[in-house]
């Protein structure tokens, strides 16, 4: 919203279900962004039709950014607080089971600033990972772009799988939101990092001021 050259549109679940061909309805659409929240609610609201429409967009080369619950939603199934869930309308675009929350960082419900292997710090709020307890890091699909350094095992915090970008942490968070402990410097560095990740999966050329072109 801070970039006047960037067009975006918010779609309700009903509108997403009506777009049987997202590429046709929005010819310039480069990335579908699925935010945090509740993966069960997301799959229930979007249903089979929304799932098919989003997967169709991805299959045609569109990029997908899943943040926290949006990353759980991208998986075929997931473990949450020791219970396994395989809801029928999860996207399944990412082929591996995910799990959370990482209570050693922040017991659910709760959030905390946590250090990443890229030297930055970001907010963790129940996001998914692989290799925690019920999944095996050896089965990771795609590239682990950053891991959590505050827990053992080099658990992934950011994954790129083809044109999917899945983030367990909230790289988009703003420092004035609910006194979350994020500094302005943290936010700027996370924005820069997120821009480079989006550029890779969506073939864009975003640049946060102060970074190399």
C-alpha atoms as a PDB file:
ATOM      1  CA  UNK A   1       0.000   0.000   0.000  1.00  0.00           C
ATOM      2  CA  UNK A   2       3.041   2.294   0.379  1.00  0.00           C
ATOM      3  CA  UNK A   3       4.049   1.822  -3.259  1.00  0.00           C
ATOM      4  CA  UNK A   4       1.852   3.737  -5.736  1.00  0.00           C
ATOM      5  CA  UNK A   5       3.190   1.670  -8.630  1.00  0.00           C
ATOM      6  CA  UNK A   6       1.874  -1.555  -7.129  1.00  0.00           C
ATOM      7  CA  UNK A   7      -1.660  -2.712  -7.858  1.00  0.00           C
ATOM      8  CA  UNK A   8      -3.340  -5.073  -5.416  1.00  0.00           C
ATOM      9  CA  UNK A   9      -6.816  -6.308  -4.624  1.00  0.00           C
ATOM     10  CA  UNK A  10      -8.344  -7.892  -1.532  1.00  0.00           C
ATOM     11  CA  UNK A  11     -10.586 -10.846  -2.346  1.00  0.00           C
ATOM     12  CA  UNK A  12     -13.169 -12.340  -0.036  1.00  0.00           C
ATOM     13  CA  UNK A  13     -13.584 -16.113   0.028  1.00  0.00           C
ATOM     14  CA  UNK A  14     -16.698 -15.726  -2.127  1.00  0.00           C
ATOM     15  CA  UNK A  15     -14.818 -13.621  -4.674  1.00  0.00           C
ATOM     16  CA  UNK A  16     -11.931 -16.108  -4.724  1.00  0.00           C
ATOM     17  CA  UNK A  17     -14.389 -18.919  -5.407  1.00  0.00           C
ATOM     18  CA  UNK A  18     -15.914 -16.940  -8.288  1.00  0.00           C
ATOM     19  CA  UNK A  19     -12.537 -16.468 -10.027  1.00  0.00           C
ATOM     20  CA  UNK A  20     -12.281 -19.764 -11.847  1.00  0.00           C
ATOM     21  CA  UNK A  21      -9.310 -18.362 -13.774  1.00  0.00           C
ATOM     22  CA  UNK A  22      -7.391 -15.846 -11.683  1.00  0.00           C
ATOM     23  CA  UNK A  23      -4.893 -15.226 -14.483  1.00  0.00           C
ATOM     24  CA  UNK A  24      -7.729 -14.301 -16.825  1.00  0.00           C
ATOM     25  CA  UNK A  25      -9.642 -12.185 -14.304  1.00  0.00           C
ATOM     26  CA  UNK A  26      -6.467 -10.429 -13.143  1.00  0.00           C
ATOM     27  CA  UNK A  27      -4.017 -10.652 -16.072  1.00  0.00           C
ATOM     28  CA  UNK A  28      -1.266  -8.770 -14.223  1.00  0.00           C
ATOM     29  CA  UNK A  29      -1.572 -10.776 -11.021  1.00  0.00           C
ATOM     30  CA  UNK A  30       1.867 -12.036 -10.021  1.00  0.00           C
ATOM     31  CA  UNK A  31       1.378 -13.330  -6.484  1.00  0.00           C
ATOM     32  CA  UNK A  32      -1.410 -14.703  -4.318  1.00  0.00           C
ATOM     33  CA  UNK A  33      -0.883 -13.753  -0.657  1.00  0.00           C
ATOM     34  CA  UNK A  34      -2.489 -15.953   1.997  1.00  0.00           C
ATOM     35  CA  UNK A  35      -2.090 -14.252   5.385  1.00  0.00           C
ATOM     36  CA  UNK A  36      -2.016 -15.489   8.951  1.00  0.00           C
ATOM     37  CA  UNK A  37      -5.077 -16.402  10.936  1.00  0.00           C
ATOM     38  CA  UNK A  38      -6.486 -19.920  11.158  1.00  0.00           C
ATOM     39  CA  UNK A  39      -5.748 -22.541   8.507  1.00  0.00           C
ATOM     40  CA  UNK A  40      -8.934 -24.461   9.301  1.00  0.00           C
ATOM     41  CA  UNK A  41     -11.060 -21.349   8.816  1.00  0.00           C
ATOM     42  CA  UNK A  42      -9.226 -20.503   5.602  1.00  0.00           C
ATOM     43  CA  UNK A  43      -9.769 -23.914   4.010  1.00  0.00           C
ATOM     44  CA  UNK A  44     -13.382 -24.027   5.212  1.00  0.00           C
ATOM     45  CA  UNK A  45     -14.149 -20.588   3.751  1.00  0.00           C
ATOM     46  CA  UNK A  46     -12.366 -21.097   0.419  1.00  0.00           C
ATOM     47  CA  UNK A  47     -13.601 -24.674   0.022  1.00  0.00           C
ATOM     48  CA  UNK A  48     -12.918 -26.946  -2.923  1.00  0.00           C
ATOM     49  CA  UNK A  49     -13.600 -24.223  -5.487  1.00  0.00           C
ATOM     50  CA  UNK A  50     -11.256 -21.673  -3.948  1.00  0.00           C
ATOM     51  CA  UNK A  51      -8.612 -24.369  -3.561  1.00  0.00           C
ATOM     52  CA  UNK A  52      -8.902 -25.295  -7.248  1.00  0.00           C
ATOM     53  CA  UNK A  53      -8.726 -21.649  -8.329  1.00  0.00           C
ATOM     54  CA  UNK A  54      -5.609 -20.896  -6.290  1.00  0.00           C
ATOM     55  CA  UNK A  55      -3.898 -24.111  -7.389  1.00  0.00           C
ATOM     56  CA  UNK A  56      -4.781 -23.279 -10.984  1.00  0.00           C
ATOM     57  CA  UNK A  57      -3.090 -19.899 -10.571  1.00  0.00           C
ATOM     58  CA  UNK A  58       0.014 -21.560  -9.111  1.00  0.00           C
ATOM     59  CA  UNK A  59       0.069 -24.195 -11.859  1.00  0.00           C
ATOM     60  CA  UNK A  60       0.072 -21.411 -14.463  1.00  0.00           C
ATOM     61  CA  UNK A  61       3.200 -19.913 -12.931  1.00  0.00           C
ATOM     62  CA  UNK A  62       1.679 -17.579 -10.368  1.00  0.00           C
ATOM     63  CA  UNK A  63       3.583 -17.118  -7.122  1.00  0.00           C
ATOM     64  CA  UNK A  64       2.151 -17.867  -3.687  1.00  0.00           C
ATOM     65  CA  UNK A  65       3.138 -16.266  -0.384  1.00  0.00           C
ATOM     66  CA  UNK A  66       1.836 -18.092   2.684  1.00  0.00           C
ATOM     67  CA  UNK A  67       2.427 -16.408   6.032  1.00  0.00           C
ATOM     68  CA  UNK A  68       1.968 -18.462   9.228  1.00  0.00           C
ATOM     69  CA  UNK A  69      -1.556 -19.932   8.797  1.00  0.00           C
ATOM     70  CA  UNK A  70      -1.163 -19.300   5.068  1.00  0.00           C
ATOM     71  CA  UNK A  71       1.813 -21.678   5.152  1.00  0.00           C
ATOM     72  CA  UNK A  72      -0.191 -24.333   7.025  1.00  0.00           C
ATOM     73  CA  UNK A  73      -2.955 -23.871   4.431  1.00  0.00           C
ATOM     74  CA  UNK A  74      -0.483 -24.565   1.608  1.00  0.00           C
ATOM     75  CA  UNK A  75       0.313 -28.041   2.982  1.00  0.00           C
ATOM     76  CA  UNK A  76      -1.689 -31.259   2.462  1.00  0.00           C
ATOM     77  CA  UNK A  77      -1.989 -31.744   6.235  1.00  0.00           C
ATOM     78  CA  UNK A  78      -0.408 -30.534   9.447  1.00  0.00           C
ATOM     79  CA  UNK A  79       0.169 -31.215  13.122  1.00  0.00           C
ATOM     80  CA  UNK A  80      -1.057 -28.566  15.542  1.00  0.00           C
ATOM     81  CA  UNK A  81      -0.358 -28.791  19.267  1.00  0.00           C
ATOM     82  CA  UNK A  82       0.025 -32.583  19.094  1.00  0.00           C
ATOM     83  CA  UNK A  83      -3.084 -33.226  16.964  1.00  0.00           C
ATOM     84  CA  UNK A  84      -3.009 -34.201  13.291  1.00  0.00           C
ATOM     85  CA  UNK A  85      -5.311 -32.408  10.840  1.00  0.00           C
ATOM     86  CA  UNK A  86      -5.989 -33.298   7.212  1.00  0.00           C
ATOM     87  CA  UNK A  87      -8.804 -30.925   6.329  1.00  0.00           C
ATOM     88  CA  UNK A  88     -10.269 -31.676   2.888  1.00  0.00           C
ATOM     89  CA  UNK A  89      -9.688 -28.264   1.322  1.00  0.00           C
ATOM     90  CA  UNK A  90      -6.105 -27.561   2.331  1.00  0.00           C
ATOM     91  CA  UNK A  91      -4.233 -26.412  -0.742  1.00  0.00           C
ATOM     92  CA  UNK A  92      -1.654 -29.223  -0.924  1.00  0.00           C
ATOM     93  CA  UNK A  93       0.562 -27.151  -3.220  1.00  0.00           C
ATOM     94  CA  UNK A  94       3.433 -27.759  -0.817  1.00  0.00           C
ATOM     95  CA  UNK A  95       3.853 -31.555  -0.675  1.00  0.00           C
ATOM     96  CA  UNK A  96       5.006 -32.019   2.926  1.00  0.00           C
ATOM     97  CA  UNK A  97       3.267 -32.191   6.301  1.00  0.00           C
ATOM     98  CA  UNK A  98       3.995 -29.174   8.503  1.00  0.00           C
ATOM     99  CA  UNK A  99       3.732 -28.741  12.260  1.00  0.00           C
ATOM    100  CA  UNK A 100       3.615 -26.214  15.073  1.00  0.00           C
ATOM    101  CA  UNK A 101       3.532 -24.396  17.308  1.00  0.00           C
ATOM    102  CA  UNK A 102       7.144 -24.184  18.481  1.00  0.00           C
ATOM    103  CA  UNK A 103       6.484 -23.793  22.195  1.00  0.00           C
ATOM    104  CA  UNK A 104      10.182 -23.380  22.968  1.00  0.00           C
ATOM    105  CA  UNK A 105       9.991 -20.044  21.150  1.00  0.00           C
ATOM    106  CA  UNK A 106       6.488 -18.990  22.192  1.00  0.00           C
ATOM    107  CA  UNK A 107       3.875 -21.222  23.838  1.00  0.00           C
ATOM    108  CA  UNK A 108       0.498 -20.941  22.135  1.00  0.00           C
ATOM    109  CA  UNK A 109      -1.273 -18.583  22.399  1.00  0.00           C
ATOM    110  CA  UNK A 110       1.561 -16.119  22.453  1.00  0.00           C
ATOM    111  CA  UNK A 111       4.260 -14.532  20.365  1.00  0.00           C
ATOM    112  CA  UNK A 112       7.917 -13.643  20.734  1.00  0.00           C
ATOM    113  CA  UNK A 113      10.773 -12.074  18.870  1.00  0.00           C
ATOM    114  CA  UNK A 114      13.126 -14.799  17.696  1.00  0.00           C
ATOM    115  CA  UNK A 115      16.498 -14.884  15.960  1.00  0.00           C
ATOM    116  CA  UNK A 116      16.910 -16.286  12.459  1.00  0.00           C
ATOM    117  CA  UNK A 117      19.934 -17.786  10.749  1.00  0.00           C
ATOM    118  CA  UNK A 118      20.113 -14.822   8.351  1.00  0.00           C
ATOM    119  CA  UNK A 119      21.131 -12.587  11.255  1.00  0.00           C
ATOM    120  CA  UNK A 120      17.725 -10.926  11.569  1.00  0.00           C
ATOM    121  CA  UNK A 121      15.012 -11.132  14.211  1.00  0.00           C
ATOM    122  CA  UNK A 122      11.318 -11.546  13.493  1.00  0.00           C
ATOM    123  CA  UNK A 123       8.043 -12.211  15.284  1.00  0.00           C
ATOM    124  CA  UNK A 124       7.006 -15.818  15.776  1.00  0.00           C
ATOM    125  CA  UNK A 125       3.310 -16.434  16.472  1.00  0.00           C
ATOM    126  CA  UNK A 126       2.561 -20.143  16.125  1.00  0.00           C
ATOM    127  CA  UNK A 127       3.832 -20.598  12.583  1.00  0.00           C
ATOM    128  CA  UNK A 128       4.707 -23.980  11.033  1.00  0.00           C
ATOM    129  CA  UNK A 129       8.013 -25.729  10.587  1.00  0.00           C
ATOM    130  CA  UNK A 130       9.330 -29.200   9.707  1.00  0.00           C
ATOM    131  CA  UNK A 131      11.386 -31.497  11.927  1.00  0.00           C
ATOM    132  CA  UNK A 132       9.977 -30.445  15.295  1.00  0.00           C
ATOM    133  CA  UNK A 133       8.388 -33.636  16.655  1.00  0.00           C
ATOM    134  CA  UNK A 134       6.014 -35.328  14.227  1.00  0.00           C
ATOM    135  CA  UNK A 135       7.827 -34.545  10.958  1.00  0.00           C
ATOM    136  CA  UNK A 136      11.304 -35.224   9.599  1.00  0.00           C
ATOM    137  CA  UNK A 137      13.564 -32.452   8.381  1.00  0.00           C
ATOM    138  CA  UNK A 138      15.149 -34.948   5.980  1.00  0.00           C
ATOM    139  CA  UNK A 139      11.842 -34.909   4.082  1.00  0.00           C
ATOM    140  CA  UNK A 140      11.960 -31.156   3.527  1.00  0.00           C
ATOM    141  CA  UNK A 141      10.835 -30.163   0.029  1.00  0.00           C
ATOM    142  CA  UNK A 142      12.370 -27.058  -1.474  1.00  0.00           C
ATOM    143  CA  UNK A 143      15.052 -24.807  -0.019  1.00  0.00           C
ATOM    144  CA  UNK A 144      15.351 -23.732   3.593  1.00  0.00           C
ATOM    145  CA  UNK A 145      16.068 -20.017   3.263  1.00  0.00           C
ATOM    146  CA  UNK A 146      16.269 -19.278   6.990  1.00  0.00           C
ATOM    147  CA  UNK A 147      16.103 -21.345  10.156  1.00  0.00           C
ATOM    148  CA  UNK A 148      15.385 -20.655  13.819  1.00  0.00           C
ATOM    149  CA  UNK A 149      18.568 -20.237  15.863  1.00  0.00           C
ATOM    150  CA  UNK A 150      16.889 -20.184  19.287  1.00  0.00           C
ATOM    151  CA  UNK A 151      15.952 -23.888  19.120  1.00  0.00           C
ATOM    152  CA  UNK A 152      17.982 -26.959  18.234  1.00  0.00           C
ATOM    153  CA  UNK A 153      17.750 -28.696  14.880  1.00  0.00           C
ATOM    154  CA  UNK A 154      17.989 -25.829  12.372  1.00  0.00           C
ATOM    155  CA  UNK A 155      14.216 -25.931  11.919  1.00  0.00           C
ATOM    156  CA  UNK A 156      13.080 -23.989   8.846  1.00  0.00           C
ATOM    157  CA  UNK A 157      11.519 -20.569   9.331  1.00  0.00           C
ATOM    158  CA  UNK A 158      11.352 -19.697   5.618  1.00  0.00           C
ATOM    159  CA  UNK A 159      10.943 -22.168   2.744  1.00  0.00           C
ATOM    160  CA  UNK A 160      10.954 -21.651  -1.011  1.00  0.00           C
ATOM    161  CA  UNK A 161       9.451 -24.452  -3.059  1.00  0.00           C
ATOM    162  CA  UNK A 162       9.251 -23.562  -6.741  1.00  0.00           C
ATOM    163  CA  UNK A 163       6.999 -20.507  -6.897  1.00  0.00           C
ATOM    164  CA  UNK A 164       5.817 -20.931  -3.294  1.00  0.00           C
ATOM    165  CA  UNK A 165       7.232 -18.777  -0.492  1.00  0.00           C
ATOM    166  CA  UNK A 166       6.247 -20.012   2.974  1.00  0.00           C
ATOM    167  CA  UNK A 167       7.156 -18.018   6.071  1.00  0.00           C
ATOM    168  CA  UNK A 168       6.632 -19.216   9.620  1.00  0.00           C
ATOM    169  CA  UNK A 169       7.642 -15.822  11.005  1.00  0.00           C
ATOM    170  CA  UNK A 170       5.931 -12.513  10.341  1.00  0.00           C
ATOM    171  CA  UNK A 171       8.414 -10.657   8.147  1.00  0.00           C
ATOM    172  CA  UNK A 172       5.626  -8.215   7.243  1.00  0.00           C
ATOM    173  CA  UNK A 173       5.055  -7.071  10.848  1.00  0.00           C
ATOM    174  CA  UNK A 174       5.218  -3.396  11.809  1.00  0.00           C
ATOM    175  CA  UNK A 175       6.932  -2.219  14.976  1.00  0.00           C
ATOM    176  CA  UNK A 176       3.962  -0.336  16.441  1.00  0.00           C
ATOM    177  CA  UNK A 177       1.626  -3.354  16.401  1.00  0.00           C
ATOM    178  CA  UNK A 178       0.627  -4.399  19.943  1.00  0.00           C
ATOM    179  CA  UNK A 179       4.015  -3.485  21.458  1.00  0.00           C
ATOM    180  CA  UNK A 180       5.498  -6.581  19.894  1.00  0.00           C
ATOM    181  CA  UNK A 181       9.133  -5.724  20.566  1.00  0.00           C
ATOM    182  CA  UNK A 182       9.963  -5.225  16.894  1.00  0.00           C
ATOM    183  CA  UNK A 183      12.180  -2.216  16.255  1.00  0.00           C
ATOM    184  CA  UNK A 184      12.076   0.040  13.220  1.00  0.00           C
ATOM    185  CA  UNK A 185      15.457  -1.401  12.236  1.00  0.00           C
ATOM    186  CA  UNK A 186      14.097  -4.949  12.512  1.00  0.00           C
ATOM    187  CA  UNK A 187      11.117  -4.041  10.352  1.00  0.00           C
ATOM    188  CA  UNK A 188      13.205  -2.408   7.637  1.00  0.00           C
ATOM    189  CA  UNK A 189      15.639  -5.334   7.520  1.00  0.00           C
ATOM    190  CA  UNK A 190      12.766  -7.840   7.380  1.00  0.00           C
ATOM    191  CA  UNK A 191      11.096  -5.842   4.590  1.00  0.00           C
ATOM    192  CA  UNK A 192      14.346  -5.907   2.641  1.00  0.00           C
ATOM    193  CA  UNK A 193      14.671  -9.644   3.158  1.00  0.00           C
ATOM    194  CA  UNK A 194      11.040 -10.288   2.215  1.00  0.00           C
ATOM    195  CA  UNK A 195      11.453  -8.185  -0.938  1.00  0.00           C
ATOM    196  CA  UNK A 196      14.407 -10.303  -2.075  1.00  0.00           C
ATOM    197  CA  UNK A 197      12.420 -13.493  -1.428  1.00  0.00           C
ATOM    198  CA  UNK A 198       9.387 -12.236  -3.349  1.00  0.00           C
ATOM    199  CA  UNK A 199      11.618 -11.196  -6.230  1.00  0.00           C
ATOM    200  CA  UNK A 200      12.894 -14.764  -6.477  1.00  0.00           C
ATOM    201  CA  UNK A 201       9.540 -16.532  -6.556  1.00  0.00           C
ATOM    202  CA  UNK A 202       7.501 -13.907  -8.414  1.00  0.00           C
ATOM    203  CA  UNK A 203      10.216 -12.630 -10.776  1.00  0.00           C
ATOM    204  CA  UNK A 204       9.655  -9.062  -9.615  1.00  0.00           C
ATOM    205  CA  UNK A 205      12.212  -6.335  -8.945  1.00  0.00           C
ATOM    206  CA  UNK A 206      11.162  -4.773  -5.654  1.00  0.00           C
ATOM    207  CA  UNK A 207      13.879  -2.826  -3.878  1.00  0.00           C
ATOM    208  CA  UNK A 208      13.645  -1.378  -0.406  1.00  0.00           C
ATOM    209  CA  UNK A 209      15.649   1.909  -0.259  1.00  0.00           C
ATOM    210  CA  UNK A 210      19.146   1.329   0.991  1.00  0.00           C
ATOM    211  CA  UNK A 211      19.592  -2.042  -0.688  1.00  0.00           C
ATOM    212  CA  UNK A 212      21.424  -2.900  -3.859  1.00  0.00           C
ATOM    213  CA  UNK A 213      19.282  -3.006  -7.074  1.00  0.00           C
END
